[in-house]
């Protein structure tokens, strides 16, 4: 090989090694996961109970006329009396407890279904770092690893240079 070819080969080898190191650095970083949110709905069923009371009253219209100072009127639902004395009219009305109106009781159950949208959960994909100091053992291991990586790459480059140059 001529010296010109050796130089060109040397620089191309170094360029390939540097590119491989940069590629390894970028591909070894944290990966990012993308979550697709899914919207959910919750179906809630409610039973509504209601009571309807139908009350049937007969229409009654009673009138009484009297020349006396006391008037008394009674029908199947109520009793009434009126009295005129000392220039004042007193009137009283009371319901009868012996006759009750005709009633119908009806119970109604309604079922109501509601679909409630439930918000989707957002999953965190970022890494949360806590500011917690490392112990001396972990710090030492980290520095030893960094030093070994730098020495290994330097030794590889020197070995490639020596092998190509002679």
N, C-alpha and C. Protein backbone atom coordinates (compact mmCIF):
# COMPACT_ATOMS: atom_id res chain seq x y z
N UNK A 1 0.83 -1.18 0.00
CA UNK A 1 0.00 0.00 0.00
C UNK A 1 0.88 1.25 0.00
N UNK A 2 0.45 2.19 -0.74
CA UNK A 2 1.18 3.45 -0.79
C UNK A 2 0.82 4.29 0.42
N UNK A 3 1.68 5.25 0.79
CA UNK A 3 1.39 6.08 1.96
C UNK A 3 0.11 6.88 1.81
N UNK A 4 -0.21 7.28 0.58
CA UNK A 4 -1.43 8.04 0.36
C UNK A 4 -2.66 7.19 0.64
N UNK A 5 -2.62 5.93 0.17
CA UNK A 5 -3.74 5.00 0.40
C UNK A 5 -3.86 4.67 1.88
N UNK A 6 -2.68 4.53 2.55
CA UNK A 6 -2.70 4.22 3.98
C UNK A 6 -3.35 5.36 4.78
N UNK A 7 -3.02 6.61 4.43
CA UNK A 7 -3.62 7.74 5.11
C UNK A 7 -5.12 7.80 4.89
N UNK A 8 -5.52 7.58 3.66
CA UNK A 8 -6.94 7.60 3.33
C UNK A 8 -7.67 6.49 4.07
N UNK A 9 -7.06 5.29 4.09
CA UNK A 9 -7.67 4.15 4.80
C UNK A 9 -7.73 4.44 6.29
N UNK A 10 -6.68 5.07 6.84
CA UNK A 10 -6.63 5.40 8.26
C UNK A 10 -7.76 6.36 8.64
N UNK A 11 -7.90 7.42 7.86
CA UNK A 11 -8.94 8.40 8.17
C UNK A 11 -10.34 7.83 7.96
N UNK A 12 -10.52 6.97 6.97
CA UNK A 12 -11.85 6.36 6.76
C UNK A 12 -12.18 5.41 7.92
N UNK A 13 -11.15 4.70 8.43
CA UNK A 13 -11.38 3.81 9.57
C UNK A 13 -11.75 4.62 10.81
N UNK A 14 -11.05 5.73 11.05
CA UNK A 14 -11.35 6.57 12.20
C UNK A 14 -12.75 7.16 12.05
N UNK A 15 -13.09 7.59 10.84
CA UNK A 15 -14.42 8.16 10.61
C UNK A 15 -15.51 7.13 10.89
N UNK A 16 -15.28 5.87 10.45
CA UNK A 16 -16.26 4.81 10.69
C UNK A 16 -16.39 4.55 12.19
N UNK A 17 -15.28 4.51 12.92
CA UNK A 17 -15.32 4.26 14.37
C UNK A 17 -16.06 5.40 15.08
N UNK A 18 -15.77 6.64 14.68
CA UNK A 18 -16.46 7.77 15.31
C UNK A 18 -17.95 7.73 15.01
N UNK A 19 -18.30 7.41 13.78
CA UNK A 19 -19.72 7.29 13.43
C UNK A 19 -20.40 6.18 14.22
N UNK A 20 -19.69 5.05 14.40
CA UNK A 20 -20.26 3.96 15.19
C UNK A 20 -20.46 4.37 16.66
N UNK A 21 -19.51 5.14 17.19
CA UNK A 21 -19.63 5.60 18.57
C UNK A 21 -20.82 6.56 18.70
N UNK A 22 -20.93 7.49 17.75
CA UNK A 22 -22.06 8.43 17.79
C UNK A 22 -23.38 7.69 17.62
N UNK A 23 -23.42 6.71 16.72
CA UNK A 23 -24.63 5.93 16.51
C UNK A 23 -24.99 5.14 17.78
N UNK A 24 -23.99 4.55 18.43
CA UNK A 24 -24.25 3.82 19.67
C UNK A 24 -24.75 4.76 20.76
N UNK A 25 -24.20 5.97 20.81
CA UNK A 25 -24.64 6.93 21.81
C UNK A 25 -26.11 7.32 21.60
N UNK A 26 -26.50 7.59 20.36
CA UNK A 26 -27.87 8.00 20.11
C UNK A 26 -28.87 6.86 20.25
N UNK A 27 -28.46 5.65 19.93
CA UNK A 27 -29.42 4.54 20.03
C UNK A 27 -29.49 3.97 21.44
N UNK A 28 -28.53 4.31 22.30
CA UNK A 28 -28.60 3.76 23.65
C UNK A 28 -29.33 4.67 24.62
N UNK A 29 -29.78 5.82 24.17
CA UNK A 29 -30.56 6.71 25.05
C UNK A 29 -31.93 6.14 25.31
N UNK A 30 -32.67 6.78 26.20
CA UNK A 30 -33.99 6.30 26.57
C UNK A 30 -34.92 6.29 25.37
N UNK A 31 -35.69 5.25 25.27
CA UNK A 31 -36.69 5.18 24.21
C UNK A 31 -37.97 5.83 24.70
N UNK A 32 -38.79 6.25 23.79
CA UNK A 32 -40.04 6.93 24.14
C UNK A 32 -41.19 6.06 23.71
N UNK A 33 -42.10 5.79 24.64
CA UNK A 33 -43.29 5.02 24.33
C UNK A 33 -44.44 5.99 24.10
N UNK A 34 -45.23 5.70 23.10
CA UNK A 34 -46.39 6.54 22.81
C UNK A 34 -47.63 5.71 23.09
N UNK A 35 -48.46 6.18 24.01
CA UNK A 35 -49.69 5.50 24.36
C UNK A 35 -50.85 6.16 23.65
N UNK A 36 -51.70 5.36 23.09
CA UNK A 36 -52.90 5.88 22.44
C UNK A 36 -54.03 5.82 23.46
N UNK A 37 -54.61 6.97 23.81
CA UNK A 37 -55.67 6.96 24.82
C UNK A 37 -56.95 6.33 24.26
N UNK A 38 -57.62 5.58 25.11
CA UNK A 38 -58.88 4.94 24.74
C UNK A 38 -59.95 5.50 25.66
N UNK A 39 -61.00 6.05 25.08
CA UNK A 39 -62.07 6.61 25.89
C UNK A 39 -63.04 5.50 26.28
N UNK A 40 -63.42 5.49 27.53
CA UNK A 40 -64.31 4.46 28.05
C UNK A 40 -65.61 5.11 28.49
N UNK A 41 -66.67 4.34 28.47
CA UNK A 41 -67.94 4.81 29.01
C UNK A 41 -68.43 3.82 30.05
N UNK A 42 -69.04 4.37 31.07
CA UNK A 42 -69.61 3.54 32.14
C UNK A 42 -71.13 3.63 32.00
N UNK A 43 -71.79 2.49 31.98
CA UNK A 43 -73.24 2.47 31.90
C UNK A 43 -73.79 2.29 33.30
N UNK A 44 -74.61 3.25 33.72
CA UNK A 44 -75.19 3.22 35.05
C UNK A 44 -76.70 3.11 34.92
N UNK A 45 -77.27 2.15 35.62
CA UNK A 45 -78.72 1.93 35.57
C UNK A 45 -79.32 2.32 36.91
N UNK A 46 -80.35 3.16 36.85
CA UNK A 46 -81.02 3.60 38.07
C UNK A 46 -82.48 3.17 38.00
N UNK A 47 -82.99 2.68 39.11
CA UNK A 47 -84.40 2.34 39.21
C UNK A 47 -85.06 3.42 40.04
N UNK A 48 -85.99 4.13 39.43
CA UNK A 48 -86.69 5.22 40.11
C UNK A 48 -88.08 4.72 40.50
N UNK A 49 -88.37 4.72 41.79
CA UNK A 49 -89.66 4.28 42.28
C UNK A 49 -90.50 5.51 42.60
N UNK A 50 -91.73 5.48 42.16
CA UNK A 50 -92.62 6.62 42.38
C UNK A 50 -93.98 6.09 42.79
N UNK A 51 -94.69 6.85 43.59
CA UNK A 51 -96.03 6.47 44.04
C UNK A 51 -97.01 7.53 43.57
N UNK A 52 -98.08 7.08 42.94
CA UNK A 52 -99.13 7.98 42.48
C UNK A 52 -100.39 7.64 43.25
N UNK A 53 -100.96 8.65 43.90
CA UNK A 53 -102.21 8.45 44.64
C UNK A 53 -103.29 9.23 43.91
N UNK A 54 -104.30 8.52 43.50
CA UNK A 54 -105.41 9.16 42.80
C UNK A 54 -106.56 9.26 43.79
N UNK A 55 -107.00 10.48 44.03
CA UNK A 55 -108.04 10.74 45.01
C UNK A 55 -109.28 11.22 44.27
N UNK A 56 -110.37 10.50 44.49
CA UNK A 56 -111.62 10.85 43.80
C UNK A 56 -112.61 11.39 44.82
N UNK A 57 -112.96 12.65 44.62
CA UNK A 57 -113.94 13.30 45.48
C UNK A 57 -115.18 13.63 44.66
N UNK A 58 -116.33 13.40 45.26
CA UNK A 58 -117.57 13.81 44.61
C UNK A 58 -117.73 15.31 44.76
N UNK A 59 -118.23 15.95 43.75
CA UNK A 59 -118.46 17.39 43.80
C UNK A 59 -119.77 17.63 44.55
N UNK A 60 -119.68 18.36 45.62
CA UNK A 60 -120.86 18.66 46.43
C UNK A 60 -121.05 20.17 46.51
N UNK A 61 -122.29 20.59 46.42
CA UNK A 61 -122.61 22.01 46.56
C UNK A 61 -123.86 22.10 47.43
N UNK A 62 -123.66 22.60 48.63
CA UNK A 62 -124.79 22.72 49.57
C UNK A 62 -124.99 24.17 49.94
N UNK A 63 -126.21 24.56 50.05
CA UNK A 63 -126.55 25.93 50.46
C UNK A 63 -127.69 25.85 51.46
N UNK A 64 -127.62 26.69 52.47
CA UNK A 64 -128.69 26.74 53.46
C UNK A 64 -129.00 28.20 53.75
N UNK A 65 -130.25 28.48 53.92
CA UNK A 65 -130.70 29.83 54.27
C UNK A 65 -131.57 29.70 55.51
N UNK A 66 -131.30 30.53 56.48
CA UNK A 66 -132.06 30.47 57.73
C UNK A 66 -132.34 31.86 58.26
N UNK A 67 -133.46 32.02 59.03
CA UNK A 67 -133.78 33.31 59.64
C UNK A 67 -133.19 33.39 61.04
N UNK A 68 -132.63 32.28 61.49
CA UNK A 68 -132.06 32.21 62.84
C UNK A 68 -130.64 32.79 62.83
N UNK A 69 -130.05 32.95 63.99
CA UNK A 69 -128.69 33.47 64.09
C UNK A 69 -127.66 32.34 64.01
N UNK A 70 -128.10 31.09 63.96
CA UNK A 70 -127.19 29.94 63.88
C UNK A 70 -127.56 29.13 62.65
N UNK A 71 -126.50 28.71 61.91
CA UNK A 71 -126.68 27.89 60.72
C UNK A 71 -125.80 26.65 60.85
N UNK A 72 -126.34 25.50 60.47
CA UNK A 72 -125.61 24.24 60.57
C UNK A 72 -125.77 23.50 59.25
N UNK A 73 -124.61 22.99 58.69
CA UNK A 73 -124.65 22.28 57.42
C UNK A 73 -123.72 21.07 57.51
N UNK A 74 -124.21 19.93 56.96
CA UNK A 74 -123.42 18.71 57.04
C UNK A 74 -123.57 17.95 55.73
N UNK A 75 -122.42 17.42 55.20
CA UNK A 75 -122.46 16.50 54.06
C UNK A 75 -121.54 15.33 54.39
N UNK A 76 -121.25 14.48 53.40
CA UNK A 76 -120.48 13.28 53.74
C UNK A 76 -119.00 13.54 53.99
N UNK A 77 -118.50 14.73 53.67
CA UNK A 77 -117.09 15.04 53.87
C UNK A 77 -116.83 16.00 55.03
N UNK A 78 -117.76 16.90 55.33
CA UNK A 78 -117.48 17.94 56.32
C UNK A 78 -118.74 18.39 57.03
N UNK A 79 -118.51 19.08 58.14
CA UNK A 79 -119.58 19.68 58.94
C UNK A 79 -119.23 21.15 59.12
N UNK A 80 -120.25 22.01 58.97
CA UNK A 80 -120.01 23.43 59.06
C UNK A 80 -121.10 24.08 59.90
N UNK A 81 -120.75 25.07 60.69
CA UNK A 81 -121.74 25.86 61.42
C UNK A 81 -121.31 27.32 61.41
N UNK A 82 -122.28 28.18 61.46
CA UNK A 82 -122.04 29.62 61.48
C UNK A 82 -122.97 30.25 62.51
N UNK A 83 -122.49 31.29 63.20
CA UNK A 83 -123.28 31.92 64.27
C UNK A 83 -123.06 33.43 64.22
N UNK A 84 -124.18 34.16 64.36
CA UNK A 84 -124.13 35.63 64.40
C UNK A 84 -124.44 36.05 65.82
N UNK A 85 -123.47 36.76 66.42
CA UNK A 85 -123.73 37.23 67.78
C UNK A 85 -122.91 38.48 68.04
N UNK A 86 -123.52 39.45 68.71
CA UNK A 86 -122.90 40.72 69.08
C UNK A 86 -122.31 41.44 67.87
N UNK A 87 -122.94 41.33 66.74
CA UNK A 87 -122.48 42.02 65.54
C UNK A 87 -121.32 41.33 64.85
N UNK A 88 -120.98 40.11 65.26
CA UNK A 88 -119.87 39.36 64.66
C UNK A 88 -120.38 38.03 64.13
N UNK A 89 -119.79 37.59 62.99
CA UNK A 89 -120.13 36.30 62.40
C UNK A 89 -119.00 35.33 62.71
N UNK A 90 -119.31 34.22 63.34
CA UNK A 90 -118.33 33.16 63.62
C UNK A 90 -118.68 31.98 62.73
N UNK A 91 -117.64 31.36 62.16
CA UNK A 91 -117.86 30.24 61.25
C UNK A 91 -116.87 29.15 61.57
N UNK A 92 -117.28 27.89 61.49
CA UNK A 92 -116.40 26.76 61.77
C UNK A 92 -116.63 25.69 60.72
N UNK A 93 -115.53 25.03 60.31
CA UNK A 93 -115.60 23.96 59.32
C UNK A 93 -114.73 22.82 59.81
N UNK A 94 -115.28 21.58 59.82
CA UNK A 94 -114.53 20.42 60.28
C UNK A 94 -114.78 19.26 59.33
N UNK A 95 -113.76 18.46 59.10
CA UNK A 95 -113.93 17.30 58.21
C UNK A 95 -114.45 16.12 59.01
N UNK A 96 -115.15 15.27 58.31
CA UNK A 96 -115.68 14.05 58.94
C UNK A 96 -114.64 12.96 58.85
N UNK A 97 -114.45 12.25 59.91
CA UNK A 97 -113.50 11.14 59.90
C UNK A 97 -114.17 9.83 59.58
N UNK A 98 -115.46 9.79 59.56
CA UNK A 98 -116.14 8.52 59.32
C UNK A 98 -116.17 8.12 57.85
N UNK A 99 -116.17 9.05 56.92
CA UNK A 99 -116.18 8.69 55.51
C UNK A 99 -114.88 9.18 54.85
N UNK A 100 -114.21 8.28 54.19
CA UNK A 100 -112.97 8.63 53.50
C UNK A 100 -113.23 8.62 52.01
N UNK A 101 -112.57 9.49 51.26
CA UNK A 101 -112.76 9.52 49.82
C UNK A 101 -112.15 8.28 49.17
N UNK A 102 -112.59 7.98 47.98
CA UNK A 102 -112.10 6.81 47.25
C UNK A 102 -110.70 7.13 46.70
N UNK A 103 -109.74 6.28 47.07
CA UNK A 103 -108.36 6.50 46.63
C UNK A 103 -107.85 5.29 45.87
N UNK A 104 -106.95 5.55 44.94
CA UNK A 104 -106.27 4.50 44.19
C UNK A 104 -104.78 4.77 44.30
N UNK A 105 -104.02 3.77 44.75
CA UNK A 105 -102.58 3.91 44.90
C UNK A 105 -101.92 3.10 43.81
N UNK A 106 -100.99 3.73 43.11
CA UNK A 106 -100.30 3.05 42.02
C UNK A 106 -98.80 3.28 42.20
N UNK A 107 -98.04 2.20 42.13
CA UNK A 107 -96.59 2.28 42.26
C UNK A 107 -95.98 2.17 40.87
N UNK A 108 -95.10 3.09 40.54
CA UNK A 108 -94.49 3.13 39.22
C UNK A 108 -92.98 2.96 39.37
N UNK A 109 -92.42 2.01 38.64
CA UNK A 109 -90.97 1.83 38.60
C UNK A 109 -90.48 2.22 37.21
N UNK A 110 -89.55 3.16 37.17
CA UNK A 110 -88.95 3.55 35.90
C UNK A 110 -87.48 3.19 35.95
N UNK A 111 -86.98 2.65 34.86
CA UNK A 111 -85.56 2.31 34.78
C UNK A 111 -84.90 3.33 33.85
N UNK A 112 -83.89 4.01 34.36
CA UNK A 112 -83.18 5.02 33.58
C UNK A 112 -81.73 4.57 33.42
N UNK A 113 -81.28 4.51 32.19
CA UNK A 113 -79.91 4.10 31.91
C UNK A 113 -79.13 5.32 31.43
N UNK A 114 -78.01 5.54 32.08
CA UNK A 114 -77.16 6.69 31.76
C UNK A 114 -75.79 6.18 31.35
N UNK A 115 -75.26 6.72 30.26
CA UNK A 115 -73.89 6.40 29.87
C UNK A 115 -73.02 7.60 30.22
N UNK A 116 -72.11 7.36 31.14
CA UNK A 116 -71.24 8.42 31.63
C UNK A 116 -69.86 8.23 31.01
N UNK A 117 -69.36 9.24 30.29
CA UNK A 117 -68.01 9.09 29.74
C UNK A 117 -66.97 9.17 30.86
N UNK A 118 -66.08 8.19 30.84
CA UNK A 118 -65.02 8.16 31.84
C UNK A 118 -63.76 8.69 31.18
N UNK A 119 -63.11 9.66 31.80
CA UNK A 119 -61.89 10.18 31.18
C UNK A 119 -60.82 9.11 31.16
N UNK A 120 -60.09 9.07 30.05
CA UNK A 120 -59.05 8.07 29.92
C UNK A 120 -57.86 8.44 30.78
N UNK A 121 -57.14 7.41 31.13
CA UNK A 121 -55.97 7.61 31.97
C UNK A 121 -54.80 8.03 31.10
N UNK A 122 -54.09 9.03 31.53
CA UNK A 122 -52.90 9.46 30.81
C UNK A 122 -51.71 8.81 31.50
N UNK A 123 -51.02 7.99 30.75
CA UNK A 123 -49.87 7.31 31.32
C UNK A 123 -48.63 8.15 31.10
N UNK A 124 -47.88 8.37 32.15
CA UNK A 124 -46.66 9.17 32.03
C UNK A 124 -45.57 8.32 31.42
N UNK A 125 -44.91 8.89 30.44
CA UNK A 125 -43.83 8.16 29.79
C UNK A 125 -42.48 8.76 30.09
N UNK A 126 -42.44 9.91 30.76
CA UNK A 126 -41.15 10.50 31.04
C UNK A 126 -40.57 9.92 32.33
N UNK A 127 -39.29 9.95 32.40
CA UNK A 127 -38.60 9.40 33.55
C UNK A 127 -38.52 10.47 34.63
N UNK A 128 -38.84 10.09 35.82
CA UNK A 128 -38.79 11.04 36.93
C UNK A 128 -37.51 10.75 37.72
N UNK A 129 -36.67 11.76 37.75
CA UNK A 129 -35.43 11.61 38.49
C UNK A 129 -35.60 12.26 39.86
N UNK A 130 -35.18 11.55 40.85
CA UNK A 130 -35.23 12.08 42.20
C UNK A 130 -33.83 12.59 42.56
N UNK A 131 -33.79 13.72 43.17
CA UNK A 131 -32.51 14.28 43.57
C UNK A 131 -32.06 13.62 44.87
N UNK A 132 -31.61 12.40 44.71
CA UNK A 132 -31.16 11.63 45.86
C UNK A 132 -29.65 11.39 45.68
N UNK A 133 -28.87 11.76 46.63
CA UNK A 133 -27.42 11.58 46.45
C UNK A 133 -27.05 10.09 46.43
N UNK A 134 -26.11 9.79 45.52
CA UNK A 134 -25.66 8.40 45.44
C UNK A 134 -24.65 8.13 46.55
N UNK A 135 -24.57 6.89 46.92
CA UNK A 135 -23.59 6.50 47.93
C UNK A 135 -22.19 6.47 47.32
N UNK A 136 -21.19 6.34 48.16
CA UNK A 136 -19.81 6.38 47.69
C UNK A 136 -19.50 5.19 46.80
N UNK A 137 -20.13 4.04 47.08
CA UNK A 137 -19.84 2.85 46.29
C UNK A 137 -20.36 3.01 44.86
N UNK A 138 -21.56 3.51 44.71
CA UNK A 138 -22.13 3.71 43.37
C UNK A 138 -21.38 4.79 42.61
N UNK A 139 -20.98 5.84 43.30
CA UNK A 139 -20.21 6.90 42.66
C UNK A 139 -18.88 6.37 42.15
N UNK A 140 -18.21 5.56 42.96
CA UNK A 140 -16.93 4.98 42.57
C UNK A 140 -17.11 4.07 41.36
N UNK A 141 -18.15 3.23 41.39
CA UNK A 141 -18.41 2.35 40.24
C UNK A 141 -18.68 3.14 38.98
N UNK A 142 -19.39 4.25 39.09
CA UNK A 142 -19.69 5.07 37.93
C UNK A 142 -18.41 5.68 37.35
N UNK A 143 -17.53 6.17 38.21
CA UNK A 143 -16.28 6.77 37.73
C UNK A 143 -15.37 5.71 37.11
N UNK A 144 -15.32 4.54 37.71
CA UNK A 144 -14.51 3.46 37.15
C UNK A 144 -15.05 3.05 35.78
N UNK A 145 -16.35 2.98 35.63
CA UNK A 145 -16.94 2.63 34.34
C UNK A 145 -16.65 3.67 33.28
N UNK A 146 -16.77 4.95 33.63
CA UNK A 146 -16.45 6.02 32.67
C UNK A 146 -14.99 5.95 32.25
N UNK A 147 -14.10 5.77 33.21
CA UNK A 147 -12.67 5.71 32.92
C UNK A 147 -12.36 4.50 32.04
N UNK A 148 -12.98 3.35 32.35
CA UNK A 148 -12.72 2.14 31.56
C UNK A 148 -13.24 2.32 30.14
N UNK A 149 -14.38 2.96 29.96
CA UNK A 149 -14.92 3.20 28.62
C UNK A 149 -13.99 4.09 27.81
N UNK A 150 -13.52 5.17 28.41
CA UNK A 150 -12.61 6.08 27.70
C UNK A 150 -11.30 5.39 27.37
N UNK A 151 -10.74 4.65 28.33
CA UNK A 151 -9.49 3.93 28.08
C UNK A 151 -9.67 2.85 27.01
N UNK A 152 -10.81 2.16 27.02
CA UNK A 152 -11.05 1.12 26.02
C UNK A 152 -11.17 1.70 24.62
N UNK A 153 -11.88 2.79 24.47
CA UNK A 153 -12.03 3.41 23.15
C UNK A 153 -10.68 3.96 22.67
N UNK A 154 -9.93 4.58 23.59
CA UNK A 154 -8.61 5.10 23.23
C UNK A 154 -7.68 3.96 22.82
N UNK A 155 -7.69 2.87 23.56
CA UNK A 155 -6.85 1.72 23.23
C UNK A 155 -7.24 1.13 21.89
N UNK A 156 -8.52 1.08 21.59
CA UNK A 156 -8.98 0.55 20.30
C UNK A 156 -8.50 1.44 19.15
N UNK A 157 -8.60 2.75 19.32
CA UNK A 157 -8.15 3.67 18.27
C UNK A 157 -6.64 3.56 18.08
N UNK A 158 -5.87 3.51 19.17
CA UNK A 158 -4.41 3.37 19.07
C UNK A 158 -4.04 2.05 18.41
N UNK A 159 -4.73 1.00 18.78
CA UNK A 159 -4.45 -0.31 18.19
C UNK A 159 -4.73 -0.31 16.69
N UNK A 160 -5.84 0.32 16.28
CA UNK A 160 -6.15 0.41 14.84
C UNK A 160 -5.10 1.24 14.10
N UNK A 161 -4.67 2.34 14.73
CA UNK A 161 -3.64 3.18 14.07
C UNK A 161 -2.35 2.42 13.91
N UNK A 162 -1.90 1.73 14.96
CA UNK A 162 -0.64 0.98 14.88
C UNK A 162 -0.73 -0.15 13.87
N UNK A 163 -1.90 -0.79 13.81
CA UNK A 163 -2.06 -1.92 12.88
C UNK A 163 -2.01 -1.43 11.44
N UNK A 164 -2.58 -0.27 11.14
CA UNK A 164 -2.64 0.24 9.78
C UNK A 164 -1.29 0.85 9.36
N UNK A 165 -0.61 1.48 10.29
CA UNK A 165 0.65 2.14 9.94
C UNK A 165 1.83 1.19 9.95
N UNK A 166 1.70 0.16 10.61
CA UNK A 166 2.84 -0.69 10.47
C UNK A 166 3.08 -1.51 11.65
